[in-house]
Amino acid sequence: MQVYVKSRGFTPESDYSWLPSDPPDVANYKSYIDSEYPSLILYSFDNRLALLVTGSESDREDFRGRKIRNSVLWISESNGHEDEKMLRAIACEFLDNYLAGKLNQIICKDEKVSNPGFTFDQERLLNIVSMDRLDSIQSNPLSKDELKAKYATNTPRLKSDLSNLVREYELPKNGILKFLVVTGKVEESKIKDPSVWRSLSTEISDSRWQLKKKNRDPSLSASYHLSCSNPSTTDNNVEEMIPNPIDFVLSKTDIDIARFVFECQNLHDKVNSGNRLSDYDKIIIKAAEKKLNHFLNEINDIKRRDSEN
């Protein structure tokens, strides 16, 4: 397990910085949280798991009397059971309001060096969860209903509800890349993003868990929508591996340049961020291509018949 800490010292020169070095790029994930507010995001990349906690208030102040906030990023060596269990346990510490106090004790002023002006005990961060709390993490499979992506407002009750869920059940294994987002005010579209399994935000007013709706590509003016869940040319074995329907949207202005839109496993983000595609991802893409070709052939047949008439 790797760990990175972002904080600052007292002087103007000791501004916020990461130690021991800048971590792997987290820009694609920070847009989902308000980093000034106590926030958390648990996500997967490069077949590893990462947990980013930001905005954790400390007892230290800077030269202007402002409270210094700590951020910590844990990155696992793999997405295996033990690593997942540890990061789920740390997430529960955050949701149960135990983590901030522990970080405040571990990340402290560096009395010897004014820049960066803070230091931390790496071993304590790597073992921040007690054995009793770690042993309480179970690995039950999620029910069909709990696999569905949901969102709600960020309240103590719902954080406790989410903590119980994370403590009892393993993370989704249906290709989702972002598991948990708990934050303050961010764009509503980020909170309702169906590629995130569970989201809590103060921007949302819903006090009960709400199902997330599948996105449509806003750049398309769709005249109609065809469900692609059961095309006759799709191999049934491949189809069963797809957890969500893949949608085909046709442009009203030019049917020949119809674009294939799918949110399944959040492949858009994965490709754009330069991450490797797994064998499972390639199966999804292959199935999507079959569906697209099937409907393009049907469209061409319809256009040909119309021209003949």
Protein backbone atom coordinates (compact mmCIF):
# COMPACT_ATOMS: atom_id res chain seq x y z
CA MET A 1 0.00 0.00 0.00
CA GLN A 2 1.27 3.47 -0.92
CA VAL A 3 0.26 6.61 0.94
CA TYR A 4 0.56 10.30 0.03
CA VAL A 5 -0.22 13.33 2.22
CA LYS A 6 -1.09 16.89 1.21
CA SER A 7 -0.84 19.62 3.82
CA ARG A 8 1.09 22.81 4.57
CA GLY A 9 3.16 24.57 7.21
CA PHE A 10 2.78 27.86 9.04
CA THR A 11 4.86 30.23 6.88
CA PRO A 12 3.79 31.78 3.54
CA GLU A 13 6.50 29.78 1.78
CA SER A 14 5.24 26.44 3.10
CA ASP A 15 2.12 26.26 0.93
CA TYR A 16 0.09 23.12 0.31
CA SER A 17 2.13 20.30 -1.22
CA TRP A 18 2.23 16.49 -1.40
CA LEU A 19 4.67 14.28 0.48
CA PRO A 20 6.70 12.18 -0.11
CA SER A 21 6.11 13.19 -3.77
CA ASP A 22 3.32 14.11 -6.14
CA PRO A 23 0.96 11.11 -6.40
CA PRO A 24 -0.33 9.55 -9.62
CA ASP A 25 -2.71 11.86 -11.48
CA VAL A 26 -6.00 12.22 -9.58
CA ALA A 27 -7.40 15.08 -11.68
CA ASN A 28 -10.03 12.86 -13.29
CA TYR A 29 -11.43 12.07 -9.85
CA LYS A 30 -11.05 15.36 -7.96
CA SER A 31 -13.76 16.92 -10.13
CA TYR A 32 -16.25 14.71 -8.27
CA ILE A 33 -15.52 16.26 -4.87
CA ASP A 34 -15.22 19.63 -3.14
CA SER A 35 -11.65 19.37 -1.90
CA GLU A 36 -12.17 22.20 0.64
CA TYR A 37 -14.97 20.21 2.30
CA PRO A 38 -14.39 16.93 4.18
CA SER A 39 -14.72 14.58 1.23
CA LEU A 40 -13.98 11.05 0.12
CA ILE A 41 -13.75 9.20 -3.18
CA LEU A 42 -12.97 5.50 -3.54
CA TYR A 43 -12.12 4.45 -7.08
CA SER A 44 -10.29 1.93 -9.25
CA PHE A 45 -7.53 2.50 -11.80
CA ASP A 46 -4.92 0.28 -13.43
CA ASN A 47 -6.35 -2.75 -11.61
CA ARG A 48 -5.66 -1.06 -8.27
CA LEU A 49 -7.86 0.66 -5.71
CA ALA A 50 -7.39 4.20 -4.43
CA LEU A 51 -9.02 6.14 -1.59
CA LEU A 52 -8.70 9.92 -1.53
CA VAL A 53 -9.76 11.91 1.54
CA THR A 54 -9.64 15.71 1.35
CA GLY A 55 -10.53 18.73 3.49
CA SER A 56 -9.82 17.03 6.83
CA GLU A 57 -9.47 19.82 9.38
CA SER A 58 -6.51 19.89 11.76
CA ASP A 59 -5.66 21.84 14.94
CA ARG A 60 -2.84 23.63 13.11
CA GLU A 61 -3.14 27.13 11.62
CA ASP A 62 -1.20 29.00 8.96
CA PHE A 63 0.34 32.48 9.25
CA ARG A 64 -3.08 34.08 8.64
CA GLY A 65 -4.81 32.11 11.33
CA ARG A 66 -6.62 29.84 8.88
CA LYS A 67 -7.23 26.21 9.78
CA ILE A 68 -4.90 23.87 7.88
CA ARG A 69 -6.62 20.99 6.11
CA ASN A 70 -5.12 17.60 5.39
CA SER A 71 -5.63 15.33 2.38
CA VAL A 72 -4.50 11.70 2.19
CA LEU A 73 -4.38 9.29 -0.74
CA TRP A 74 -4.05 5.54 -0.17
CA ILE A 75 -3.25 3.41 -3.23
CA SER A 76 -3.33 -0.39 -3.03
CA GLU A 77 -0.90 -2.72 -4.74
CA SER A 78 -3.81 -4.60 -6.33
CA ASN A 79 -7.59 -4.83 -6.24
CA GLY A 80 -7.41 -8.05 -4.22
CA HIS A 81 -9.55 -8.96 -1.24
CA GLU A 82 -7.21 -7.78 1.53
CA ASP A 83 -6.48 -4.42 -0.10
CA GLU A 84 -10.18 -3.83 -0.72
CA LYS A 85 -10.96 -4.74 2.88
CA MET A 86 -8.44 -2.22 4.21
CA LEU A 87 -9.68 0.65 2.04
CA ARG A 88 -13.30 -0.13 2.88
CA ALA A 89 -12.34 -0.03 6.56
CA ILE A 90 -10.68 3.39 6.14
CA ALA A 91 -13.78 4.62 4.29
CA CYS A 92 -15.90 3.48 7.24
CA GLU A 93 -13.59 5.41 9.61
CA PHE A 94 -14.34 8.52 7.53
CA LEU A 95 -18.10 7.88 7.38
CA ASP A 96 -18.23 7.24 11.14
CA ASN A 97 -16.32 10.50 11.83
CA TYR A 98 -13.27 8.82 13.37
CA LEU A 99 -10.74 9.52 10.63
CA ALA A 100 -10.26 13.30 10.97
CA GLY A 101 -9.12 13.05 14.59
CA LYS A 102 -6.63 10.31 13.75
CA LEU A 103 -5.20 12.28 10.81
CA ASN A 104 -4.87 15.33 13.05
CA GLN A 105 -2.61 13.33 15.37
CA ILE A 106 -0.54 11.66 12.66
CA ILE A 107 0.03 14.71 10.40
CA CYS A 108 1.73 17.40 12.44
CA LYS A 109 4.03 20.41 12.37
CA ASP A 110 7.63 19.74 11.43
CA GLU A 111 9.65 21.39 14.18
CA LYS A 112 12.94 20.98 12.28
CA VAL A 113 12.08 22.10 8.74
CA SER A 114 9.90 25.13 7.95
CA ASN A 115 9.27 24.08 4.35
CA PRO A 116 7.12 22.07 3.71
CA GLY A 117 6.44 22.64 7.40
CA PHE A 118 4.63 19.37 8.15
CA THR A 119 5.50 15.74 8.63
CA PHE A 120 3.67 12.45 9.20
CA ASP A 121 4.16 8.88 10.35
CA GLN A 122 3.73 6.68 7.30
CA GLU A 123 3.38 3.44 9.26
CA ARG A 124 0.55 4.87 11.33
CA LEU A 125 -1.27 5.95 8.19
CA LEU A 126 -0.87 2.48 6.70
CA ASN A 127 -2.24 0.93 9.90
CA ILE A 128 -4.78 3.60 10.77
CA VAL A 129 -7.59 1.07 11.32
CA SER A 130 -7.57 -1.01 14.49
CA MET A 131 -7.69 -4.79 14.14
CA ASP A 132 -11.16 -4.90 15.73
CA ARG A 133 -12.50 -2.43 13.19
CA LEU A 134 -10.74 -4.24 10.36
CA ASP A 135 -12.16 -7.59 11.46
CA SER A 136 -15.67 -6.10 11.36
CA ILE A 137 -15.41 -5.69 7.57
CA GLN A 138 -17.38 -8.46 5.88
CA SER A 139 -17.44 -9.52 2.24
CA ASN A 140 -21.01 -10.48 1.47
CA PRO A 141 -22.10 -10.20 -2.18
CA LEU A 142 -24.38 -7.29 -3.02
CA SER A 143 -28.01 -7.95 -3.85
CA LYS A 144 -29.36 -7.04 -7.27
CA ASP A 145 -31.00 -3.93 -5.83
CA GLU A 146 -27.89 -2.78 -3.96
CA LEU A 147 -25.83 -3.10 -7.14
CA LYS A 148 -27.81 -0.21 -8.63
CA ALA A 149 -26.17 3.23 -8.54
CA LYS A 150 -27.81 5.61 -6.04
CA TYR A 151 -27.39 9.12 -4.60
CA ALA A 152 -28.71 11.21 -1.70
CA THR A 153 -27.94 14.25 0.44
CA ASN A 154 -24.94 14.24 2.76
CA THR A 155 -26.27 13.87 6.31
CA PRO A 156 -25.01 11.99 9.40
CA ARG A 157 -27.84 9.47 9.08
CA LEU A 158 -27.10 8.65 5.45
CA LYS A 159 -23.35 8.53 6.09
CA SER A 160 -24.05 5.97 8.81
CA ASP A 161 -26.30 4.07 6.41
CA LEU A 162 -23.54 4.04 3.81
CA SER A 163 -20.97 2.98 6.39
CA ASN A 164 -23.09 -0.05 7.30
CA LEU A 165 -23.40 -0.96 3.62
CA VAL A 166 -19.65 -0.64 2.97
CA ARG A 167 -18.84 -2.60 6.13
CA GLU A 168 -21.12 -5.52 5.27
CA TYR A 169 -20.80 -5.89 1.50
CA GLU A 170 -17.93 -6.16 -0.97
CA LEU A 171 -17.54 -3.51 -3.66
CA PRO A 172 -19.45 -3.99 -6.94
CA LYS A 173 -17.78 -6.34 -9.38
CA ASN A 174 -19.79 -5.26 -12.43
CA GLY A 175 -17.15 -3.03 -14.01
CA ILE A 176 -17.87 0.19 -12.09
CA LEU A 177 -14.68 2.23 -11.64
CA LYS A 178 -15.85 4.80 -9.06
CA PHE A 179 -17.42 3.32 -5.95
CA LEU A 180 -17.99 6.03 -3.33
CA VAL A 181 -18.26 9.82 -3.42
CA VAL A 182 -19.04 11.75 -0.22
CA THR A 183 -18.63 15.51 -0.48
CA GLY A 184 -20.03 19.03 -0.19
CA LYS A 185 -21.23 21.11 -3.11
CA VAL A 186 -20.24 19.95 -6.58
CA GLU A 187 -22.01 19.88 -9.92
CA GLU A 188 -25.26 17.96 -9.68
CA SER A 189 -24.33 16.00 -12.80
CA LYS A 190 -21.30 14.59 -10.95
CA ILE A 191 -23.44 13.38 -8.06
CA LYS A 192 -26.02 11.82 -10.35
CA ASP A 193 -23.37 10.27 -12.61
CA PRO A 194 -24.44 6.61 -12.99
CA SER A 195 -20.80 5.52 -13.24
CA VAL A 196 -20.48 6.17 -9.47
CA TRP A 197 -22.02 3.45 -7.29
CA ARG A 198 -22.94 5.61 -4.24
CA SER A 199 -22.85 9.41 -3.93
CA LEU A 200 -23.64 11.74 -1.03
CA SER A 201 -23.53 15.53 -1.44
CA THR A 202 -24.78 18.61 0.42
CA GLU A 203 -25.82 19.92 -3.02
CA ILE A 204 -28.60 17.30 -3.12
CA SER A 205 -31.84 17.73 -1.15
CA ASP A 206 -33.12 14.14 -1.39
CA SER A 207 -33.07 12.61 2.10
CA ARG A 208 -33.67 9.11 0.72
CA TRP A 209 -31.55 7.09 -1.66
CA GLN A 210 -32.50 7.80 -5.28
CA LEU A 211 -31.72 5.64 -8.29
CA LYS A 212 -29.40 7.21 -10.83
CA LYS A 213 -30.65 7.47 -14.38
CA LYS A 214 -28.55 6.49 -17.33
CA ASN A 215 -27.12 9.48 -19.19
CA ARG A 216 -27.81 10.40 -22.79
CA ASP A 217 -25.17 12.10 -24.90
CA PRO A 218 -26.14 15.84 -24.76
CA SER A 219 -24.45 16.54 -28.12
CA LEU A 220 -27.03 14.50 -29.96
CA SER A 221 -30.52 15.62 -30.93
CA ALA A 222 -32.16 12.25 -30.72
CA SER A 223 -35.39 11.72 -32.64
CA TYR A 224 -35.89 8.26 -31.25
CA HIS A 225 -34.19 5.68 -29.10
CA LEU A 226 -33.89 1.96 -29.79
CA SER A 227 -33.25 -0.54 -27.02
CA CYS A 228 -30.40 -2.89 -27.84
CA SER A 229 -30.83 -5.34 -24.99
CA ASN A 230 -31.80 -8.36 -27.13
CA PRO A 231 -30.67 -8.07 -30.76
CA SER A 232 -31.01 -11.35 -32.61
CA THR A 233 -27.40 -11.32 -33.83
CA THR A 234 -25.85 -10.90 -30.39
CA ASP A 235 -24.23 -13.94 -28.83
CA ASN A 236 -26.23 -14.87 -25.74
CA ASN A 237 -23.16 -15.75 -23.69
CA VAL A 238 -21.63 -12.34 -24.30
CA GLU A 239 -24.95 -10.62 -23.63
CA GLU A 240 -25.24 -12.18 -20.19
CA MET A 241 -21.94 -10.57 -19.18
CA ILE A 242 -23.27 -7.04 -19.76
CA PRO A 243 -24.78 -5.69 -16.54
CA ASN A 244 -26.64 -2.80 -18.17
CA PRO A 245 -28.37 -2.37 -21.57
CA ILE A 246 -26.33 -0.63 -24.24
CA ASP A 247 -28.22 2.12 -26.00
CA PHE A 248 -28.16 3.20 -29.62
CA VAL A 249 -29.08 6.84 -30.29
CA LEU A 250 -29.82 8.13 -33.78
CA SER A 251 -29.20 11.71 -34.87
CA LYS A 252 -32.25 13.41 -36.31
CA THR A 253 -30.21 15.42 -38.81
CA ASP A 254 -28.23 12.62 -40.40
CA ILE A 255 -28.97 8.99 -39.71
CA ASP A 256 -25.74 7.89 -41.44
CA ILE A 257 -23.58 9.49 -38.73
CA ALA A 258 -25.49 7.93 -35.85
CA ARG A 259 -23.30 7.65 -32.78
CA PHE A 260 -23.21 4.70 -30.45
CA VAL A 261 -23.61 5.89 -26.87
CA PHE A 262 -23.04 3.63 -23.91
CA GLU A 263 -22.28 4.22 -20.24
CA CYS A 264 -21.63 0.54 -19.51
CA GLN A 265 -18.60 0.15 -17.17
CA ASN A 266 -17.76 3.82 -17.71
CA LEU A 267 -15.52 2.95 -20.66
CA HIS A 268 -15.52 6.57 -21.82
CA ASP A 269 -13.60 7.72 -18.74
CA LYS A 270 -11.31 4.73 -18.76
CA VAL A 271 -10.19 5.22 -22.35
CA ASN A 272 -9.88 9.01 -22.05
CA SER A 273 -7.72 8.75 -18.93
CA GLY A 274 -5.29 6.43 -20.71
CA ASN A 275 -5.95 3.43 -18.49
CA ARG A 276 -5.51 -0.08 -19.84
CA LEU A 277 -8.58 -1.99 -20.94
CA SER A 278 -9.14 -5.31 -19.22
CA ASP A 279 -10.25 -8.46 -21.03
CA TYR A 280 -13.71 -7.84 -19.62
CA ASP A 281 -13.77 -4.32 -21.11
CA LYS A 282 -12.80 -5.75 -24.51
CA ILE A 283 -15.70 -8.21 -24.34
CA ILE A 284 -18.06 -5.31 -23.65
CA ILE A 285 -16.70 -3.36 -26.62
CA LYS A 286 -17.01 -6.42 -28.87
CA ALA A 287 -20.64 -6.86 -27.83
CA ALA A 288 -21.29 -3.16 -28.43
CA GLU A 289 -19.85 -3.37 -31.94
CA LYS A 290 -22.10 -6.34 -32.73
CA LYS A 291 -25.15 -4.40 -31.61
CA LEU A 292 -24.15 -1.32 -33.57
CA ASN A 293 -23.54 -3.29 -36.77
CA HIS A 294 -26.87 -5.05 -36.35
CA PHE A 295 -28.81 -1.81 -36.18
CA LEU A 296 -26.82 -0.10 -38.94
CA ASN A 297 -27.70 -3.02 -41.23
CA GLU A 298 -31.36 -2.67 -40.28
CA ILE A 299 -31.24 1.08 -40.96
CA ASN A 300 -29.63 0.56 -44.38
CA ASP A 301 -32.32 -2.00 -45.27
CA ILE A 302 -35.05 0.46 -44.30
CA LYS A 303 -33.43 3.27 -46.34
CA ARG A 304 -33.01 0.98 -49.35
CA ARG A 305 -36.65 -0.09 -49.23
CA ASP A 306 -37.74 3.53 -48.90
CA SER A 307 -35.68 4.54 -51.95
CA GLU A 308 -37.13 1.68 -53.99
CA ASN A 309 -40.64 2.83 -53.13
